[in-house]
């Protein structure tokens, strides 16, 4: 095995765990690439859905983001429960197929000729049937991405647990590295979007190429995903009495303990801060600085690249500083980055502000997801609860920032992230005391 393999696996000796580790990394790359393929083109989608009579603004962007967030919010708890009964090997393959169907439909609807629009533009453009259909497709996409997200995170937790129980990795923390591969996939997709936008190539071609590559990769590595370790599976109930079965069934109230509440708040804050960067940096450059779509995507690319490189080296940072100090530093950097970005005098200073912002959001979410899966019994349920908490801000965040941005500006609207970064900083200290 090459030195590169050794560096990637970081001393994992158990061969099935190595294969599962690599396969999970690949699935995170596919998730990031599929997710950012549409999100990085949000400015372009907004332009294509506009008409000579109606220029879509940040309010319309908010509705587009809200649609996908609604699907994600309602999907996460359902799929978390589903994955306690259905093999993660099945859902982790089904999810990208379902996502691909939605992306293909979205690209075709957006690219469809606007000649059949009804006359008489209304304030928010809902007379455009394409906009209405896009909203429905994005609800569907959000649901499918939720299934993909929960599946790969549970796969990551399973790989961590197997490394601890079978591979002898007592301090295995894989989730930050897994999430770095999500960012690498997102960076690749964003770079490709920059190329497509710069040369004004048909969006349908871009989406089709990404879908084909992702599905081929998913098919190749589908068999290496691990289920939960044997020791974490619930013991079989020997009696058939209804009372005994109910006694052994995990209670949602018992699952929702104080550490999990703290973890959920951390993930909620980090999801909002990270997602707002992914959702609104491009629009902030486009609307706030008058940048072109290509330059807007480039600013987003720098943010994603910073996040990806930090996550890839997250195990070193966490190993040196510890999880709780890392969380506090992360939220502090988010605060600094957002303030510089909002009050930047020009787009070049704003680009530099994306660096601390990207560093800050890189590790808080994967640390939270890792802690959720290992903080008690029933890791699938705990992971889905925390994922649902993050999805709450996925619903509340986009329309709030967009509507505020329509009144003041997208850049000033991003100041709403400041109290959430402070909450994440404080709760990280509380979480340490509960351990």
Protein backbone atom coordinates (compact mmCIF):
# COMPACT_ATOMS: atom_id res chain seq x y z
CA UNK A 1 0.00 0.00 0.00
CA UNK A 2 1.29 3.46 -0.89
CA UNK A 3 2.25 6.14 1.59
CA UNK A 4 -0.74 8.17 0.45
CA UNK A 5 -3.04 5.35 1.52
CA UNK A 6 -1.37 5.22 4.91
CA UNK A 7 -1.84 8.97 5.34
CA UNK A 8 -5.47 8.74 4.36
CA UNK A 9 -6.30 5.82 6.67
CA UNK A 10 -4.17 7.15 9.55
CA UNK A 11 -3.17 3.77 10.93
CA UNK A 12 -6.47 1.87 10.56
CA UNK A 13 -5.43 -1.77 10.53
CA UNK A 14 -8.81 -3.49 10.04
CA UNK A 15 -9.24 -4.08 6.28
CA UNK A 16 -13.09 -3.85 6.08
CA UNK A 17 -12.86 -0.62 8.08
CA UNK A 18 -10.35 0.76 5.58
CA UNK A 19 -12.67 -0.06 2.70
CA UNK A 20 -15.65 1.45 4.56
CA UNK A 21 -13.62 4.55 5.40
CA UNK A 22 -12.66 5.10 1.76
CA UNK A 23 -16.18 4.35 0.48
CA UNK A 24 -17.71 6.78 2.98
CA UNK A 25 -15.24 9.47 1.87
CA UNK A 26 -16.31 8.87 -1.73
CA UNK A 27 -20.01 9.12 -0.83
CA UNK A 28 -19.36 12.43 0.97
CA UNK A 29 -17.63 13.71 -2.19
CA UNK A 30 -20.64 12.69 -4.28
CA UNK A 31 -23.03 14.35 -1.84
CA UNK A 32 -21.03 17.59 -1.90
CA UNK A 33 -20.76 17.58 -5.69
CA UNK A 34 -24.49 16.94 -6.26
CA UNK A 35 -25.53 19.46 -3.60
CA UNK A 36 -23.31 22.30 -4.81
CA UNK A 37 -24.06 21.64 -8.48
CA UNK A 38 -27.44 23.27 -8.03
CA UNK A 39 -26.61 25.59 -5.11
CA UNK A 40 -23.61 27.17 -6.84
CA UNK A 41 -25.83 27.96 -9.85
CA UNK A 42 -28.50 29.66 -7.73
CA UNK A 43 -27.64 33.10 -9.15
CA UNK A 44 -27.83 31.67 -12.68
CA UNK A 45 -31.12 29.91 -11.91
CA UNK A 46 -32.51 33.19 -10.61
CA UNK A 47 -31.42 34.98 -13.79
CA UNK A 48 -32.91 32.32 -16.08
CA UNK A 49 -36.24 32.35 -14.23
CA UNK A 50 -36.45 36.13 -14.56
CA UNK A 51 -38.26 37.85 -17.42
CA UNK A 52 -38.01 41.28 -19.09
CA UNK A 53 -41.03 42.31 -16.99
CA UNK A 54 -39.75 40.87 -13.72
CA UNK A 55 -36.21 40.76 -12.34
CA UNK A 56 -36.05 38.25 -9.51
CA UNK A 57 -34.41 39.47 -6.30
CA UNK A 58 -33.22 38.04 -2.98
CA UNK A 59 -36.82 37.38 -1.92
CA UNK A 60 -37.22 34.91 -4.76
CA UNK A 61 -33.89 33.32 -3.82
CA UNK A 62 -35.28 32.92 -0.30
CA UNK A 63 -38.30 31.03 -1.60
CA UNK A 64 -36.06 28.72 -3.63
CA UNK A 65 -33.90 27.98 -0.58
CA UNK A 66 -36.95 27.64 1.66
CA UNK A 67 -38.44 25.00 -0.64
CA UNK A 68 -35.40 22.72 -0.39
CA UNK A 69 -35.10 23.37 3.35
CA UNK A 70 -38.73 22.33 3.93
CA UNK A 71 -38.04 19.00 2.26
CA UNK A 72 -34.91 18.53 4.33
CA UNK A 73 -36.66 19.44 7.59
CA UNK A 74 -39.55 17.00 7.18
CA UNK A 75 -37.32 14.30 5.72
CA UNK A 76 -34.60 14.15 8.40
CA UNK A 77 -36.67 12.77 11.33
CA UNK A 78 -38.54 10.34 9.08
CA UNK A 79 -35.37 8.97 7.51
CA UNK A 80 -33.65 8.75 10.90
CA UNK A 81 -36.47 6.46 12.05
CA UNK A 82 -36.43 4.60 8.74
CA UNK A 83 -32.73 3.84 9.09
CA UNK A 84 -33.35 2.02 12.37
CA UNK A 85 -35.23 -0.56 10.27
CA UNK A 86 -33.71 -0.35 6.79
CA UNK A 87 -30.09 -1.08 5.88
CA UNK A 88 -27.96 2.02 5.37
CA UNK A 89 -26.40 0.19 2.41
CA UNK A 90 -29.74 0.45 0.60
CA UNK A 91 -30.55 4.07 1.44
CA UNK A 92 -27.04 5.34 0.68
CA UNK A 93 -27.45 4.04 -2.90
CA UNK A 94 -31.11 5.01 -3.33
CA UNK A 95 -30.55 8.61 -2.19
CA UNK A 96 -28.17 9.76 -4.98
CA UNK A 97 -30.43 8.13 -7.59
CA UNK A 98 -33.43 10.08 -6.27
CA UNK A 99 -31.35 13.27 -6.07
CA UNK A 100 -30.20 12.83 -9.68
CA UNK A 101 -33.80 12.61 -10.89
CA UNK A 102 -34.57 15.91 -9.16
CA UNK A 103 -31.47 17.68 -10.48
CA UNK A 104 -32.19 16.53 -14.04
CA UNK A 105 -35.77 17.83 -13.76
CA UNK A 106 -34.61 21.14 -12.27
CA UNK A 107 -32.09 21.81 -15.05
CA UNK A 108 -34.68 21.09 -17.74
CA UNK A 109 -37.39 23.26 -16.19
CA UNK A 110 -35.01 26.20 -15.64
CA UNK A 111 -33.66 25.94 -19.20
CA UNK A 112 -37.12 25.66 -20.75
CA UNK A 113 -38.15 28.56 -22.98
CA UNK A 114 -39.77 31.40 -21.08
CA UNK A 115 -41.99 32.22 -24.07
CA UNK A 116 -45.08 30.60 -22.55
CA UNK A 117 -45.15 32.87 -19.50
CA UNK A 118 -48.43 34.49 -18.65
CA UNK A 119 -48.66 38.23 -18.98
CA UNK A 120 -48.94 40.67 -16.12
CA UNK A 121 -46.10 40.13 -13.68
CA UNK A 122 -47.04 39.85 -10.04
CA UNK A 123 -44.71 41.01 -7.21
CA UNK A 124 -43.07 37.65 -6.54
CA UNK A 125 -43.22 36.11 -9.98
CA UNK A 126 -45.54 33.21 -9.20
CA UNK A 127 -47.29 33.68 -12.53
CA UNK A 128 -44.26 31.96 -14.03
CA UNK A 129 -45.11 28.25 -14.09
CA UNK A 130 -41.39 27.46 -14.17
CA UNK A 131 -40.87 29.15 -10.81
CA UNK A 132 -43.77 27.18 -9.28
CA UNK A 133 -42.47 23.88 -10.66
CA UNK A 134 -38.95 24.70 -9.45
CA UNK A 135 -40.31 25.19 -5.93
CA UNK A 136 -41.91 21.73 -6.03
CA UNK A 137 -38.75 20.14 -7.43
CA UNK A 138 -36.64 21.77 -4.71
CA UNK A 139 -38.96 20.43 -1.99
CA UNK A 140 -38.42 16.98 -3.49
CA UNK A 141 -34.65 17.59 -3.76
CA UNK A 142 -34.46 18.74 -0.14
CA UNK A 143 -36.16 15.52 0.97
CA UNK A 144 -33.78 13.38 -1.08
CA UNK A 145 -30.71 15.29 0.09
CA UNK A 146 -31.94 14.76 3.66
CA UNK A 147 -31.97 10.99 3.08
CA UNK A 148 -28.47 11.19 1.58
CA UNK A 149 -27.21 13.36 4.47
CA UNK A 150 -28.56 11.13 7.25
CA UNK A 151 -27.32 7.98 5.47
CA UNK A 152 -23.72 9.13 4.98
CA UNK A 153 -23.50 10.50 8.53
CA UNK A 154 -24.75 7.22 9.98
CA UNK A 155 -22.26 5.41 7.74
CA UNK A 156 -19.54 7.66 9.15
CA UNK A 157 -20.60 6.98 12.74
CA UNK A 158 -20.69 3.23 12.00
CA UNK A 159 -17.15 3.39 10.61
CA UNK A 160 -15.96 5.29 13.70
CA UNK A 161 -17.62 2.76 16.01
CA UNK A 162 -16.15 -0.18 14.12
CA UNK A 163 -12.67 1.35 14.30
CA UNK A 164 -13.08 1.66 18.08
CA UNK A 165 -14.58 -1.77 18.73
CA UNK A 166 -12.76 -3.91 16.17
CA UNK A 167 -9.86 -1.91 14.81
CA UNK A 168 -8.44 -0.76 18.14
CA UNK A 169 -8.75 2.99 17.39
CA UNK A 170 -9.66 4.20 20.88
CA UNK A 171 -9.73 7.86 19.89
CA UNK A 172 -11.13 7.55 16.36
CA UNK A 173 -12.67 10.83 15.18
CA UNK A 174 -13.47 10.43 11.49
CA UNK A 175 -16.43 12.77 10.96
CA UNK A 176 -14.35 15.95 10.39
CA UNK A 177 -12.34 14.15 7.71
CA UNK A 178 -15.50 12.74 6.14
CA UNK A 179 -17.03 16.21 6.01
CA UNK A 180 -13.84 17.57 4.44
CA UNK A 181 -14.57 15.27 1.51
CA UNK A 182 -18.05 16.77 1.28
CA UNK A 183 -16.33 20.13 0.93
CA UNK A 184 -13.89 18.77 -1.65
CA UNK A 185 -16.84 17.55 -3.71
CA UNK A 186 -18.47 20.95 -3.27
CA UNK A 187 -15.26 22.73 -4.36
CA UNK A 188 -15.00 20.58 -7.50
CA UNK A 189 -18.65 21.22 -8.36
CA UNK A 190 -18.23 24.96 -7.76
CA UNK A 191 -15.14 25.12 -9.96
CA UNK A 192 -17.04 23.30 -12.68
CA UNK A 193 -19.95 25.75 -12.24
CA UNK A 194 -17.51 28.66 -12.61
CA UNK A 195 -16.26 27.20 -15.90
CA UNK A 196 -19.81 26.56 -17.15
CA UNK A 197 -21.01 30.06 -16.20
CA UNK A 198 -17.93 31.79 -17.63
CA UNK A 199 -18.34 30.14 -21.04
CA UNK A 200 -22.16 30.29 -20.89
CA UNK A 201 -22.56 26.54 -21.45
CA UNK A 202 -25.99 24.93 -21.13
CA UNK A 203 -26.82 24.11 -17.51
CA UNK A 204 -28.40 20.81 -18.56
CA UNK A 205 -25.05 19.55 -19.85
CA UNK A 206 -23.37 20.44 -16.56
CA UNK A 207 -26.00 18.69 -14.45
CA UNK A 208 -26.00 15.60 -16.69
CA UNK A 209 -22.22 15.16 -16.50
CA UNK A 210 -22.15 15.48 -12.69
CA UNK A 211 -25.08 13.05 -12.33
CA UNK A 212 -23.49 10.40 -14.54
CA UNK A 213 -20.12 10.55 -12.75
CA UNK A 214 -21.75 10.46 -9.30
CA UNK A 215 -23.97 7.47 -10.09
CA UNK A 216 -21.07 5.47 -11.59
CA UNK A 217 -18.96 6.10 -8.47
CA UNK A 218 -21.86 5.21 -6.14
CA UNK A 219 -22.44 1.93 -7.96
CA UNK A 220 -18.75 1.00 -7.73
CA UNK A 221 -18.36 1.57 -3.96
CA UNK A 222 -21.85 0.58 -2.75
CA UNK A 223 -20.72 -2.75 -1.24
CA UNK A 224 -18.06 -1.37 1.14
CA UNK A 225 -20.39 0.52 3.49
CA UNK A 226 -20.59 -0.89 7.05
CA UNK A 227 -23.67 -1.47 9.15
CA UNK A 228 -23.63 -0.75 12.89
CA UNK A 229 -21.15 -2.88 14.90
CA UNK A 230 -22.66 -5.96 16.46
CA UNK A 231 -22.21 -4.67 20.00
CA UNK A 232 -24.28 -1.56 19.29
CA UNK A 233 -27.29 -3.49 18.02
CA UNK A 234 -30.12 -3.90 20.52
CA UNK A 235 -30.30 -7.23 22.23
CA UNK A 236 -33.05 -9.59 21.09
CA UNK A 237 -36.11 -9.68 23.32
CA UNK A 238 -36.63 -13.27 24.38
CA UNK A 239 -40.16 -12.79 25.66
CA UNK A 240 -43.07 -12.02 23.41
CA UNK A 241 -45.03 -10.06 25.99
CA UNK A 242 -46.10 -6.58 24.90
CA UNK A 243 -44.90 -4.99 28.15
CA UNK A 244 -41.40 -6.43 27.76
CA UNK A 245 -41.13 -5.19 24.17
CA UNK A 246 -42.27 -1.72 25.19
CA UNK A 247 -39.75 -1.69 28.04
CA UNK A 248 -36.87 -2.43 25.66
CA UNK A 249 -37.99 0.16 23.10
CA UNK A 250 -35.91 3.36 23.36
CA UNK A 251 -37.93 6.38 24.51
CA UNK A 252 -37.62 9.66 22.62
CA UNK A 253 -37.83 11.53 25.92
CA UNK A 254 -35.02 9.42 27.40
CA UNK A 255 -32.94 9.96 24.27
CA UNK A 256 -33.31 13.74 24.47
CA UNK A 257 -30.98 14.31 27.44
CA UNK A 258 -28.96 17.43 28.37
CA UNK A 259 -25.82 16.56 26.38
CA UNK A 260 -27.93 15.93 23.27
CA UNK A 261 -29.72 19.28 23.72
CA UNK A 262 -26.34 21.05 23.85
CA UNK A 263 -25.10 19.14 20.81
CA UNK A 264 -28.31 19.99 18.92
CA UNK A 265 -27.85 23.70 19.69
CA UNK A 266 -24.23 23.57 18.50
CA UNK A 267 -25.26 21.84 15.26
CA UNK A 268 -28.16 24.27 14.85
CA UNK A 269 -25.83 27.29 15.16
CA UNK A 270 -23.09 25.78 13.00
CA UNK A 271 -25.57 24.70 10.31
CA UNK A 272 -27.01 28.20 10.11
CA UNK A 273 -23.58 29.85 9.93
CA UNK A 274 -22.19 27.36 7.41
CA UNK A 275 -25.35 27.12 5.31
CA UNK A 276 -25.70 30.90 5.16
CA UNK A 277 -22.21 31.06 3.72
CA UNK A 278 -22.99 28.45 1.08
CA UNK A 279 -26.41 29.96 0.32
CA UNK A 280 -25.70 33.69 0.40
CA UNK A 281 -22.02 34.45 -0.27
CA UNK A 282 -22.60 34.27 -4.02
CA UNK A 283 -25.68 36.51 -3.82
CA UNK A 284 -23.89 38.92 -1.45
CA UNK A 285 -21.10 39.39 -4.00
CA UNK A 286 -23.60 39.63 -6.86
CA UNK A 287 -26.01 42.08 -5.18
CA UNK A 288 -23.70 43.80 -2.70
CA UNK A 289 -20.64 44.39 -4.89
CA UNK A 290 -22.19 44.16 -8.36
CA UNK A 291 -19.95 41.21 -9.23
CA UNK A 292 -20.61 38.91 -12.18
CA UNK A 293 -21.90 35.36 -11.68
CA UNK A 294 -18.42 33.95 -12.37
CA UNK A 295 -16.82 36.19 -9.72
CA UNK A 296 -19.64 35.43 -7.26
CA UNK A 297 -19.01 31.70 -7.69
CA UNK A 298 -15.25 32.29 -7.27
CA UNK A 299 -15.86 33.95 -3.87
CA UNK A 300 -17.98 30.97 -2.87
CA UNK A 301 -15.24 28.62 -4.09
CA UNK A 302 -12.64 30.27 -1.80
CA UNK A 303 -14.99 29.86 1.18
CA UNK A 304 -15.57 26.18 0.37
CA UNK A 305 -11.89 25.46 -0.24
CA UNK A 306 -10.96 26.95 3.13
CA UNK A 307 -13.62 24.83 4.83
CA UNK A 308 -12.50 21.68 3.00
CA UNK A 309 -8.79 22.04 3.84
CA UNK A 310 -9.59 22.73 7.51
CA UNK A 311 -11.86 19.71 7.77
CA UNK A 312 -9.32 17.45 6.13
CA UNK A 313 -6.78 18.37 8.81
CA UNK A 314 -9.44 18.48 11.53
CA UNK A 315 -8.16 15.38 13.34
CA UNK A 316 -4.82 17.13 13.93
CA UNK A 317 -6.47 20.31 15.19
CA UNK A 318 -8.85 18.38 17.47
CA UNK A 319 -6.01 16.13 18.67
CA UNK A 320 -3.97 19.16 19.68
CA UNK A 321 -6.68 21.45 21.07
CA UNK A 322 -9.42 19.02 22.10
CA UNK A 323 -13.00 19.07 20.84
CA UNK A 324 -14.37 21.73 23.19
CA UNK A 325 -11.61 24.31 22.73
CA UNK A 326 -11.83 23.67 18.98
CA UNK A 327 -15.56 24.43 19.08
CA UNK A 328 -15.03 27.73 20.94
CA UNK A 329 -12.25 28.86 18.59
CA UNK A 330 -14.38 27.86 15.60
CA UNK A 331 -17.35 29.99 16.62
CA UNK A 332 -14.98 32.87 17.45
CA UNK A 333 -13.54 32.76 13.93
CA UNK A 334 -17.04 32.67 12.44
CA UNK A 335 -17.87 35.85 14.36
CA UNK A 336 -14.73 37.61 13.11
CA UNK A 337 -15.21 36.48 9.51
CA UNK A 338 -18.85 37.56 9.33
CA UNK A 339 -18.14 41.01 10.79
CA UNK A 340 -15.28 41.63 8.34
CA UNK A 341 -17.37 40.37 5.40
CA UNK A 342 -20.37 42.55 6.25
CA UNK A 343 -18.36 45.75 6.72
CA UNK A 344 -15.77 45.14 3.99
CA UNK A 345 -15.18 48.27 1.87
CA UNK A 346 -14.72 46.25 -1.32
CA UNK A 347 -15.03 42.75 -2.73
CA UNK A 348 -11.35 41.94 -2.20
CA UNK A 349 -11.55 42.44 1.57
CA UNK A 350 -14.77 40.41 1.52
CA UNK A 351 -12.91 37.56 -0.20
CA UNK A 352 -10.32 37.61 2.59
CA UNK A 353 -13.14 37.56 5.17
CA UNK A 354 -14.35 34.27 3.70
CA UNK A 355 -11.17 32.62 5.01
CA UNK A 356 -11.84 32.94 8.80
CA UNK A 357 -15.52 32.29 8.13
CA UNK A 358 -14.62 29.08 6.30
CA UNK A 359 -12.12 28.05 8.99
CA UNK A 360 -14.73 28.68 11.69
CA UNK A 361 -17.59 26.63 10.25
CA UNK A 362 -15.37 23.71 9.21
CA UNK A 363 -15.24 21.64 12.40
CA UNK A 364 -18.24 22.56 14.56
CA UNK A 365 -20.82 20.64 12.52
CA UNK A 366 -18.87 17.35 12.13
CA UNK A 367 -17.84 17.44 15.81
CA UNK A 368 -21.51 17.85 16.73
CA UNK A 369 -22.65 14.99 14.50
CA UNK A 370 -19.89 12.73 15.81
CA UNK A 371 -20.75 13.54 19.43
CA UNK A 372 -24.47 12.93 18.76
CA UNK A 373 -23.84 9.42 17.45
CA UNK A 374 -21.61 8.52 20.38
CA UNK A 375 -23.40 10.36 23.22
CA UNK A 376 -25.71 7.49 24.17
CA UNK A 377 -27.80 4.54 23.04
CA UNK A 378 -29.64 4.42 19.70
CA UNK A 379 -27.11 6.40 17.62
CA UNK A 380 -29.35 6.48 14.53
CA UNK A 381 -32.15 8.21 16.42
CA UNK A 382 -29.75 10.64 18.14
CA UNK A 383 -28.07 11.49 14.84
CA UNK A 384 -31.44 12.14 13.16
CA UNK A 385 -32.60 14.34 16.09
CA UNK A 386 -29.49 16.50 15.78
CA UNK A 387 -29.81 16.59 11.99
CA UNK A 388 -33.41 17.75 12.42
CA UNK A 389 -32.22 20.55 14.71
CA UNK A 390 -29.90 21.72 11.95
CA UNK A 391 -32.75 21.52 9.44
CA UNK A 392 -34.82 23.91 11.60
CA UNK A 393 -32.35 26.65 10.74
CA UNK A 394 -32.39 25.45 7.17
CA UNK A 395 -36.06 26.49 7.14
CA UNK A 396 -35.80 29.67 9.22
CA UNK A 397 -32.48 30.94 7.85
CA UNK A 398 -32.87 31.38 4.07
CA UNK A 399 -36.16 33.33 4.06
CA UNK A 400 -35.13 35.44 7.05
CA UNK A 401 -31.84 36.53 5.50
CA UNK A 402 -33.46 36.96 2.08
CA UNK A 403 -36.37 39.06 3.34
CA UNK A 404 -34.06 41.20 5.47
CA UNK A 405 -31.73 41.51 2.49
CA UNK A 406 -34.57 42.85 0.39
CA UNK A 407 -35.08 45.62 2.98
CA UNK A 408 -31.49 46.50 3.93
CA UNK A 409 -29.01 44.37 1.93
CA UNK A 410 -27.86 40.78 1.93
CA UNK A 411 -24.54 41.79 3.48
CA UNK A 412 -26.17 43.56 6.45
CA UNK A 413 -28.73 40.78 6.80
CA UNK A 414 -25.85 38.37 7.47
CA UNK A 415 -25.38 40.12 10.84
CA UNK A 416 -28.18 37.86 12.08
CA UNK A 417 -25.51 35.14 12.27
CA UNK A 418 -23.63 37.00 15.01
CA UNK A 419 -25.88 35.93 17.95
CA UNK A 420 -25.85 32.33 16.71
CA UNK A 421 -22.05 32.24 16.69
CA UNK A 422 -22.12 33.59 20.26
CA UNK A 423 -24.67 30.92 21.30
CA UNK A 424 -22.42 28.21 19.79
CA UNK A 425 -19.44 29.59 21.71
CA UNK A 426 -21.32 29.58 25.05
CA UNK A 427 -23.01 26.18 24.62
CA UNK A 428 -19.66 24.58 23.74
CA UNK A 429 -18.49 25.49 27.24
CA UNK A 430 -21.70 24.11 28.79
CA UNK A 431 -21.34 20.85 26.84
CA UNK A 432 -17.86 20.32 28.28
CA UNK A 433 -19.30 20.52 31.82
CA UNK A 434 -21.96 17.87 31.04
CA UNK A 435 -19.33 15.29 30.07
